[in-house]
C-alpha atoms as a PDB file:
ATOM      1  CA  MET A   1     -41.624  15.892  -9.001  1.00  0.00           C
ATOM      2  CA  PRO A   2     -42.086  16.125  -5.211  1.00  0.00           C
ATOM      3  CA  ALA A   3     -41.492  12.346  -4.858  1.00  0.00           C
ATOM      4  CA  ALA A   4     -38.053  12.739  -6.479  1.00  0.00           C
ATOM      5  CA  ILE A   5     -36.771  14.963  -3.669  1.00  0.00           C
ATOM      6  CA  PRO A   6     -36.975  12.290  -0.908  1.00  0.00           C
ATOM      7  CA  THR A   7     -35.380   9.753  -3.293  1.00  0.00           C
ATOM      8  CA  ARG A   8     -32.469  12.131  -3.945  1.00  0.00           C
ATOM      9  CA  ARG A   9     -32.069  12.737  -0.221  1.00  0.00           C
ATOM     10  CA  ARG A  10     -31.951   9.013   0.433  1.00  0.00           C
ATOM     11  CA  ARG A  11     -29.346   8.546  -2.270  1.00  0.00           C
ATOM     12  CA  LEU A  12     -27.270  11.402  -0.903  1.00  0.00           C
ATOM     13  CA  ALA A  13     -27.580   9.988   2.615  1.00  0.00           C
ATOM     14  CA  ALA A  14     -26.516   6.538   1.365  1.00  0.00           C
ATOM     15  CA  TRP A  15     -23.503   8.035  -0.444  1.00  0.00           C
ATOM     16  CA  ALA A  16     -22.550  10.043   2.649  1.00  0.00           C
ATOM     17  CA  ALA A  17     -22.781   6.938   4.832  1.00  0.00           C
ATOM     18  CA  GLY A  18     -20.665   4.990   2.351  1.00  0.00           C
ATOM     19  CA  LEU A  19     -18.013   7.697   2.236  1.00  0.00           C
ATOM     20  CA  ALA A  20     -17.972   7.877   6.030  1.00  0.00           C
ATOM     21  CA  ALA A  21     -17.457   4.100   6.199  1.00  0.00           C
ATOM     22  CA  VAL A  22     -14.561   4.271   3.731  1.00  0.00           C
ATOM     23  CA  ALA A  23     -13.009   7.154   5.671  1.00  0.00           C
ATOM     24  CA  ALA A  24     -13.313   5.182   8.917  1.00  0.00           C
ATOM     25  CA  LEU A  25     -11.656   2.132   7.340  1.00  0.00           C
ATOM     26  CA  LEU A  26      -8.782   4.259   6.091  1.00  0.00           C
ATOM     27  CA  ALA A  27      -8.391   6.052   9.401  1.00  0.00           C
ATOM     28  CA  PHE A  28      -8.488   2.909  11.525  1.00  0.00           C
ATOM     29  CA  GLY A  29      -6.428   0.540   9.420  1.00  0.00           C
ATOM     30  CA  LEU A  30      -7.935  -0.885   6.268  1.00  0.00           C
ATOM     31  CA  GLY A  31      -4.778  -2.996   5.914  1.00  0.00           C
ATOM     32  CA  LYS A  32      -5.029  -4.663   9.295  1.00  0.00           C
ATOM     33  CA  SER A  33      -7.271  -7.454  10.341  1.00  0.00           C
ATOM     34  CA  GLY A  34      -7.924  -8.526  13.871  1.00  0.00           C
ATOM     35  CA  SER A  35      -6.571 -11.514  15.629  1.00  0.00           C
ATOM     36  CA  SER A  36      -7.531 -14.898  14.345  1.00  0.00           C
ATOM     37  CA  ASP A  37      -5.748 -17.033  16.957  1.00  0.00           C
ATOM     38  CA  ARG A  38      -5.462 -19.972  14.577  1.00  0.00           C
ATOM     39  CA  PRO A  39      -2.455 -22.277  14.252  1.00  0.00           C
ATOM     40  CA  ALA A  40       0.190 -21.024  11.844  1.00  0.00           C
ATOM     41  CA  PRO A  41       0.770 -23.524   9.022  1.00  0.00           C
ATOM     42  CA  ALA A  42       4.243 -24.903   8.357  1.00  0.00           C
ATOM     43  CA  LEU A  43       6.696 -22.763   6.449  1.00  0.00           C
ATOM     44  CA  PRO A  44       8.071 -23.892   3.076  1.00  0.00           C
ATOM     45  CA  THR A  45      11.219 -26.005   3.340  1.00  0.00           C
ATOM     46  CA  SER A  46      13.218 -24.601   0.431  1.00  0.00           C
ATOM     47  CA  ALA A  47      15.531 -21.672   1.239  1.00  0.00           C
ATOM     48  CA  LEU A  48      15.960 -18.739  -1.135  1.00  0.00           C
ATOM     49  CA  ALA A  49      18.450 -16.878   1.061  1.00  0.00           C
ATOM     50  CA  GLY A  50      19.899 -17.793   4.413  1.00  0.00           C
ATOM     51  CA  PRO A  51      19.417 -21.162   6.044  1.00  0.00           C
ATOM     52  CA  PRO A  52      16.200 -23.138   5.778  1.00  0.00           C
ATOM     53  CA  ILE A  53      14.184 -22.469   8.907  1.00  0.00           C
ATOM     54  CA  THR A  54      11.149 -24.068  10.475  1.00  0.00           C
ATOM     55  CA  LEU A  55       8.389 -22.223  12.286  1.00  0.00           C
ATOM     56  CA  ALA A  56       9.416 -23.944  15.549  1.00  0.00           C
ATOM     57  CA  ALA A  57      13.002 -22.741  15.128  1.00  0.00           C
ATOM     58  CA  LEU A  58      11.847 -19.194  14.288  1.00  0.00           C
ATOM     59  CA  LEU A  59       9.735 -19.121  17.438  1.00  0.00           C
ATOM     60  CA  GLY A  60      12.681 -20.379  19.474  1.00  0.00           C
ATOM     61  CA  SER A  61      11.122 -23.685  20.400  1.00  0.00           C
ATOM     62  CA  GLY A  62      13.288 -25.685  18.001  1.00  0.00           C
ATOM     63  CA  THR A  63      16.916 -26.694  18.080  1.00  0.00           C
ATOM     64  CA  GLN A  64      18.098 -23.937  15.694  1.00  0.00           C
ATOM     65  CA  ALA A  65      17.199 -21.082  18.058  1.00  0.00           C
ATOM     66  CA  PRO A  66      17.659 -22.148  21.674  1.00  0.00           C
ATOM     67  CA  GLY A  67      16.071 -20.177  24.457  1.00  0.00           C
ATOM     68  CA  ALA A  68      12.606 -19.213  25.538  1.00  0.00           C
ATOM     69  CA  PRO A  69       9.959 -19.235  22.788  1.00  0.00           C
ATOM     70  CA  HIS A  70       9.039 -15.830  21.375  1.00  0.00           C
ATOM     71  CA  ALA A  71       6.737 -14.305  18.766  1.00  0.00           C
ATOM     72  CA  ALA A  72       7.772 -13.812  15.141  1.00  0.00           C
ATOM     73  CA  LEU A  73       6.655 -12.283  11.843  1.00  0.00           C
ATOM     74  CA  VAL A  74       6.158 -14.207   8.587  1.00  0.00           C
ATOM     75  CA  VAL A  75       6.339 -11.856   5.581  1.00  0.00           C
ATOM     76  CA  PHE A  76       4.875 -13.031   2.250  1.00  0.00           C
ATOM     77  CA  TRP A  77       6.205 -11.032  -0.715  1.00  0.00           C
ATOM     78  CA  ALA A  78       7.031 -11.263  -4.434  1.00  0.00           C
ATOM     79  CA  SER A  79       9.665  -9.465  -6.476  1.00  0.00           C
ATOM     80  CA  TRP A  80       7.127  -8.108  -9.002  1.00  0.00           C
ATOM     81  CA  CYS A  81       4.883  -6.670  -6.262  1.00  0.00           C
ATOM     82  CA  GLU A  82       5.175  -2.859  -6.137  1.00  0.00           C
ATOM     83  CA  PRO A  83       3.745  -2.554  -2.598  1.00  0.00           C
ATOM     84  CA  CYS A  84       6.313  -5.175  -1.505  1.00  0.00           C
ATOM     85  CA  GLN A  85       9.059  -3.040  -3.039  1.00  0.00           C
ATOM     86  CA  HIS A  86       7.711   0.002  -1.203  1.00  0.00           C
ATOM     87  CA  GLU A  87       7.656  -1.896   2.109  1.00  0.00           C
ATOM     88  CA  ALA A  88      11.018  -3.679   1.712  1.00  0.00           C
ATOM     89  CA  PRO A  89      13.307  -1.010   3.256  1.00  0.00           C
ATOM     90  CA  ALA A  90      11.123  -0.774   6.387  1.00  0.00           C
ATOM     91  CA  VAL A  91      11.097  -4.565   6.751  1.00  0.00           C
ATOM     92  CA  GLU A  92      14.908  -4.708   6.639  1.00  0.00           C
ATOM     93  CA  ARG A  93      15.288  -1.812   9.087  1.00  0.00           C
ATOM     94  CA  PHE A  94      12.916  -3.605  11.464  1.00  0.00           C
ATOM     95  CA  ALA A  95      14.777  -6.902  10.984  1.00  0.00           C
ATOM     96  CA  GLN A  96      17.992  -5.120  12.017  1.00  0.00           C
ATOM     97  CA  SER A  97      16.423  -3.462  15.060  1.00  0.00           C
ATOM     98  CA  PRO A  98      16.776  -5.040  18.503  1.00  0.00           C
ATOM     99  CA  ALA A  99      13.038  -5.842  18.500  1.00  0.00           C
ATOM    100  CA  GLY A 100      13.102  -7.546  15.106  1.00  0.00           C
ATOM    101  CA  ARG A 101      16.479  -9.294  15.054  1.00  0.00           C
ATOM    102  CA  GLY A 102      16.012 -13.025  14.590  1.00  0.00           C
ATOM    103  CA  ARG A 103      12.224 -12.756  14.683  1.00  0.00           C
ATOM    104  CA  ILE A 104      11.309 -12.416  11.022  1.00  0.00           C
ATOM    105  CA  VAL A 105      11.272 -14.705   8.005  1.00  0.00           C
ATOM    106  CA  GLY A 106      10.357 -13.831   4.436  1.00  0.00           C
ATOM    107  CA  VAL A 107       8.493 -16.102   2.037  1.00  0.00           C
ATOM    108  CA  ASP A 108       8.738 -15.482  -1.712  1.00  0.00           C
ATOM    109  CA  TYR A 109       5.180 -16.211  -2.810  1.00  0.00           C
ATOM    110  CA  GLY A 110       4.369 -17.944  -6.076  1.00  0.00           C
ATOM    111  CA  GLU A 111       7.505 -17.240  -8.109  1.00  0.00           C
ATOM    112  CA  SER A 112       9.029 -20.229  -9.886  1.00  0.00           C
ATOM    113  CA  GLU A 113      11.957 -18.312 -11.398  1.00  0.00           C
ATOM    114  CA  LEU A 114      14.836 -17.437  -9.068  1.00  0.00           C
ATOM    115  CA  SER A 115      16.360 -14.411 -10.799  1.00  0.00           C
ATOM    116  CA  GLY A 116      13.648 -11.900  -9.791  1.00  0.00           C
ATOM    117  CA  PRO A 117      13.506 -12.886  -6.119  1.00  0.00           C
ATOM    118  CA  ARG A 118      17.313 -13.006  -5.815  1.00  0.00           C
ATOM    119  CA  ALA A 119      17.583  -9.544  -7.410  1.00  0.00           C
ATOM    120  CA  PHE A 120      14.927  -8.250  -4.986  1.00  0.00           C
ATOM    121  CA  LEU A 121      16.854  -9.574  -1.968  1.00  0.00           C
ATOM    122  CA  ARG A 122      20.120  -8.058  -3.241  1.00  0.00           C
ATOM    123  CA  HIS A 123      18.501  -4.711  -4.077  1.00  0.00           C
ATOM    124  CA  TYR A 124      16.866  -4.315  -0.658  1.00  0.00           C
ATOM    125  CA  ASP A 125      19.762  -6.012   1.161  1.00  0.00           C
ATOM    126  CA  TRP A 126      17.486  -8.277   3.171  1.00  0.00           C
ATOM    127  CA  THR A 127      19.619 -10.061   5.749  1.00  0.00           C
ATOM    128  CA  PHE A 128      17.042 -12.382   7.333  1.00  0.00           C
ATOM    129  CA  ALA A 129      16.126 -15.884   6.148  1.00  0.00           C
ATOM    130  CA  ASN A 130      13.875 -16.099   3.096  1.00  0.00           C
ATOM    131  CA  LEU A 131      12.108 -19.204   1.894  1.00  0.00           C
ATOM    132  CA  ARG A 132      10.617 -20.159  -1.482  1.00  0.00           C
ATOM    133  CA  ASP A 133       6.934 -20.901  -2.025  1.00  0.00           C
ATOM    134  CA  PRO A 134       6.902 -21.343  -5.835  1.00  0.00           C
ATOM    135  CA  ASP A 135       3.608 -23.222  -5.960  1.00  0.00           C
ATOM    136  CA  ALA A 136       1.967 -20.871  -3.387  1.00  0.00           C
ATOM    137  CA  ARG A 137       0.915 -23.778  -1.144  1.00  0.00           C
ATOM    138  CA  ALA A 138       2.218 -22.213   2.049  1.00  0.00           C
ATOM    139  CA  GLY A 139       0.652 -18.882   1.142  1.00  0.00           C
ATOM    140  CA  GLU A 140      -2.695 -20.529   0.538  1.00  0.00           C
ATOM    141  CA  ALA A 141      -2.432 -22.359   3.868  1.00  0.00           C
ATOM    142  CA  TYR A 142      -1.791 -19.033   5.610  1.00  0.00           C
ATOM    143  CA  GLY A 143      -4.659 -17.378   3.730  1.00  0.00           C
ATOM    144  CA  VAL A 144      -2.650 -14.949   1.612  1.00  0.00           C
ATOM    145  CA  THR A 145      -5.045 -12.987  -0.577  1.00  0.00           C
ATOM    146  CA  SER A 146      -2.833 -10.061  -1.550  1.00  0.00           C
ATOM    147  CA  LEU A 147       0.770  -8.963  -1.229  1.00  0.00           C
ATOM    148  CA  PRO A 148       2.489  -7.992   0.909  1.00  0.00           C
ATOM    149  CA  ASN A 149       0.899 -10.004   3.686  1.00  0.00           C
ATOM    150  CA  ILE A 150       2.463 -10.324   7.135  1.00  0.00           C
ATOM    151  CA  PHE A 151       1.423 -12.732   9.868  1.00  0.00           C
ATOM    152  CA  ALA A 152       2.289 -12.140  13.520  1.00  0.00           C
ATOM    153  CA  VAL A 153       2.721 -15.533  15.186  1.00  0.00           C
ATOM    154  CA  ASP A 154       2.823 -15.897  18.954  1.00  0.00           C
ATOM    155  CA  ALA A 155       5.181 -18.181  20.896  1.00  0.00           C
ATOM    156  CA  ARG A 156       2.546 -20.956  20.822  1.00  0.00           C
ATOM    157  CA  GLY A 157       2.616 -20.929  17.009  1.00  0.00           C
ATOM    158  CA  ARG A 158      -0.758 -19.234  16.563  1.00  0.00           C
ATOM    159  CA  ILE A 159      -1.477 -16.414  14.125  1.00  0.00           C
ATOM    160  CA  VAL A 160      -2.639 -13.522  16.256  1.00  0.00           C
ATOM    161  CA  GLN A 161      -2.593 -10.708  13.702  1.00  0.00           C
ATOM    162  CA  THR A 162      -2.578 -10.315   9.932  1.00  0.00           C
ATOM    163  CA  LEU A 163      -1.236  -7.179   8.243  1.00  0.00           C
ATOM    164  CA  ARG A 164      -2.210  -6.572   4.634  1.00  0.00           C
ATOM    165  CA  GLY A 165      -0.480  -4.053   2.415  1.00  0.00           C
ATOM    166  CA  PRO A 166       2.771  -2.182   2.973  1.00  0.00           C
ATOM    167  CA  GLN A 167       3.761  -1.724   6.613  1.00  0.00           C
ATOM    168  CA  THR A 168       6.098   0.570   8.513  1.00  0.00           C
ATOM    169  CA  GLU A 169       8.686  -0.249  11.156  1.00  0.00           C
ATOM    170  CA  ARG A 170       6.203   1.005  13.725  1.00  0.00           C
ATOM    171  CA  SER A 171       3.338  -1.232  12.555  1.00  0.00           C
ATOM    172  CA  LEU A 172       5.695  -4.230  12.460  1.00  0.00           C
ATOM    173  CA  ALA A 173       6.861  -3.494  15.999  1.00  0.00           C
ATOM    174  CA  GLN A 174       3.253  -3.115  17.187  1.00  0.00           C
ATOM    175  CA  ALA A 175       2.223  -6.424  15.575  1.00  0.00           C
ATOM    176  CA  LEU A 176       5.179  -8.243  17.114  1.00  0.00           C
ATOM    177  CA  ALA A 177       4.468  -6.685  20.515  1.00  0.00           C
ATOM    178  CA  ALA A 178       0.827  -7.763  20.277  1.00  0.00           C
ATOM    179  CA  ALA A 179       1.917 -11.300  19.431  1.00  0.00           C
ATOM    180  CA  SER A 180       4.336 -11.254  22.366  1.00  0.00           C
ATOM    181  CA  SER A 181       1.748 -10.325  24.983  1.00  0.00           C
END
């Protein structure tokens, strides 16, 4: 029996280390990944709500949004996604804020039917442009692995931060500020 005691201690130590790692991930942002600084793929071309918009126009380097280029957020969502529903009011409040106005586009990810996404947009009163990605090609190009997924894109068109899971107005503002610096 004496050999069992060190084995139990090792197991307990391994469990404690694992729990500490999980606690650290939760405390320091499990839903956020660092900067990748890779080019942002093209956005889908089919509009769900609002005008069709290109990434260049969203960043202000196209003809639709004249002026100096600026950072933007690309929000991938789906109407059936409960975390997306939880996040939706904060996304709209941020889109209406001075920091977010004109700097956000939504992408409905992988839904071929229009009734669910249109109902989602009406329910949450999203006022910014939203595009359709029914075959999930754009999402795959961006590297979407879960929803909601938000990409902060700098003025050069590079993804500088990825936010996974529901976000707050504050986290959206921080991501946009990081992409702007």
